Structure formats: C-alpha cells, structure tokens
Protein backbone atom coordinates (compact mmCIF):
# COMPACT_ATOMS: atom_id res chain seq x y z
CA UNK A 1 5.63 -2.81 -7.39
CA UNK A 2 3.44 -5.77 -6.59
CA UNK A 3 2.97 -6.56 -3.08
CA UNK A 4 1.32 -9.70 -1.82
CA UNK A 5 -0.16 -11.44 1.08
CA UNK A 6 -0.46 -8.24 3.41
CA UNK A 7 -1.82 -9.69 6.68
CA UNK A 8 -0.96 -6.84 8.82
CA UNK A 9 -2.92 -4.14 7.10
CA UNK A 10 -2.44 -1.48 9.97
CA UNK A 11 1.35 -1.90 9.93
CA UNK A 12 1.18 -1.59 6.07
CA UNK A 13 -0.52 1.78 6.33
CA UNK A 14 1.70 2.86 9.08
CA UNK A 15 4.65 2.19 6.59
CA UNK A 16 2.86 4.05 3.85
CA UNK A 17 2.08 6.97 6.34
CA UNK A 18 5.64 7.26 7.36
CA UNK A 19 6.81 7.71 3.56
CA UNK A 20 7.84 11.27 2.54
CA UNK A 21 6.74 11.27 -1.16
CA UNK A 22 3.54 10.10 -3.01
CA UNK A 23 2.62 6.52 -2.70
CA UNK A 24 -0.07 5.27 -5.12
CA UNK A 25 -2.19 2.44 -5.31
CA UNK A 26 -2.94 1.37 -8.87
CA UNK A 27 -6.34 -0.09 -9.38
CA UNK A 28 -7.10 -2.76 -11.89
CA UNK A 29 -8.67 -0.21 -14.22
CA UNK A 30 -5.41 1.45 -14.09
CA UNK A 31 -6.51 4.36 -11.66
CA UNK A 32 -4.13 5.76 -8.94
CA UNK A 33 -5.21 6.48 -5.49
CA UNK A 34 -3.14 8.19 -3.03
CA UNK A 35 -2.41 5.92 -0.34
CA UNK A 36 -1.33 8.76 2.11
CA UNK A 37 -5.17 9.82 1.95
CA UNK A 38 -7.04 8.32 4.72
CA UNK A 39 -10.10 8.46 2.52
CA UNK A 40 -8.29 6.46 -0.03
CA UNK A 41 -7.05 4.04 2.26
CA UNK A 42 -10.60 3.26 3.40
CA UNK A 43 -11.74 3.27 -0.07
CA UNK A 44 -8.97 0.69 -0.78
CA UNK A 45 -9.42 -1.31 2.13
CA UNK A 46 -13.41 -1.53 1.22
CA UNK A 47 -12.56 -2.71 -2.27
CA UNK A 48 -10.02 -5.14 -2.10
CA UNK A 49 -9.74 -6.01 1.79
CA UNK A 50 -11.32 -9.53 2.52
CA UNK A 51 -10.74 -12.31 5.07
CA UNK A 52 -8.07 -10.15 7.24
CA UNK A 53 -5.53 -10.19 4.00
CA UNK A 54 -4.89 -8.46 0.94
CA UNK A 55 -3.72 -10.91 -1.75
CA UNK A 56 -1.81 -8.49 -3.99
CA UNK A 57 -1.62 -4.62 -4.55
CA UNK A 58 0.22 -2.76 -7.32
CA UNK A 59 1.96 0.27 -5.30
CA UNK A 60 3.96 3.00 -6.93
CA UNK A 61 6.43 4.87 -4.70
CA UNK A 62 8.43 7.79 -6.17
CA UNK A 63 10.96 8.22 -3.61
CA UNK A 64 13.92 5.84 -3.30
CA UNK A 65 13.87 5.81 0.88
CA UNK A 66 9.99 5.08 0.56
CA UNK A 67 10.50 2.34 -1.83
CA UNK A 68 13.02 0.86 0.77
CA UNK A 69 10.49 1.17 3.50
CA UNK A 70 7.95 -0.62 1.49
CA UNK A 71 10.38 -3.63 0.46
CA UNK A 72 11.53 -3.89 4.00
CA UNK A 73 8.01 -4.14 5.19
CA UNK A 74 7.21 -6.84 2.66
CA UNK A 75 10.63 -8.71 3.54
CA UNK A 76 10.23 -8.59 7.39
CA UNK A 77 6.46 -7.77 7.80
C-alpha cells in the first residue's frame, strides 16, 4: 500500500510498532526493510525524511488487522 503525506512520523512508527505481524518499507530499489526494527526506522528516516514530512512510502503489511491499523492511521492521522 502507498502511504502519503505522513506529518506525524512518531505516531506512524507507534502504529507500526503496535502491529502484530511483519511491516516492511519497500525502497525505490525494491529492497524491503523491516519497519518494526528500530535500526530500519532510523535508516528509513535518514533516507526519506525531510522538512518534517514523509511525502510517500510503499508499505507492506501481512496481517489483516495490521493493514486496518495502518489504513486507520492514514485516514484519521
């Protein structure tokens, strides 16, 4: 799923941390980073975070409940 215009990065990673299954960030090169890993979170922030906003990410979640959490975050902030 594509997620866009994340302005509350801290809340986004709280939602990711609350997920039960694997949540991955797909890089522009097609690599997949485990977003539940703190190291991957910092790496992804360093690579794509600028001006207090993440414009667009491709995120893959495997558990239906985790997908719902991420969709709710995107709709409600």
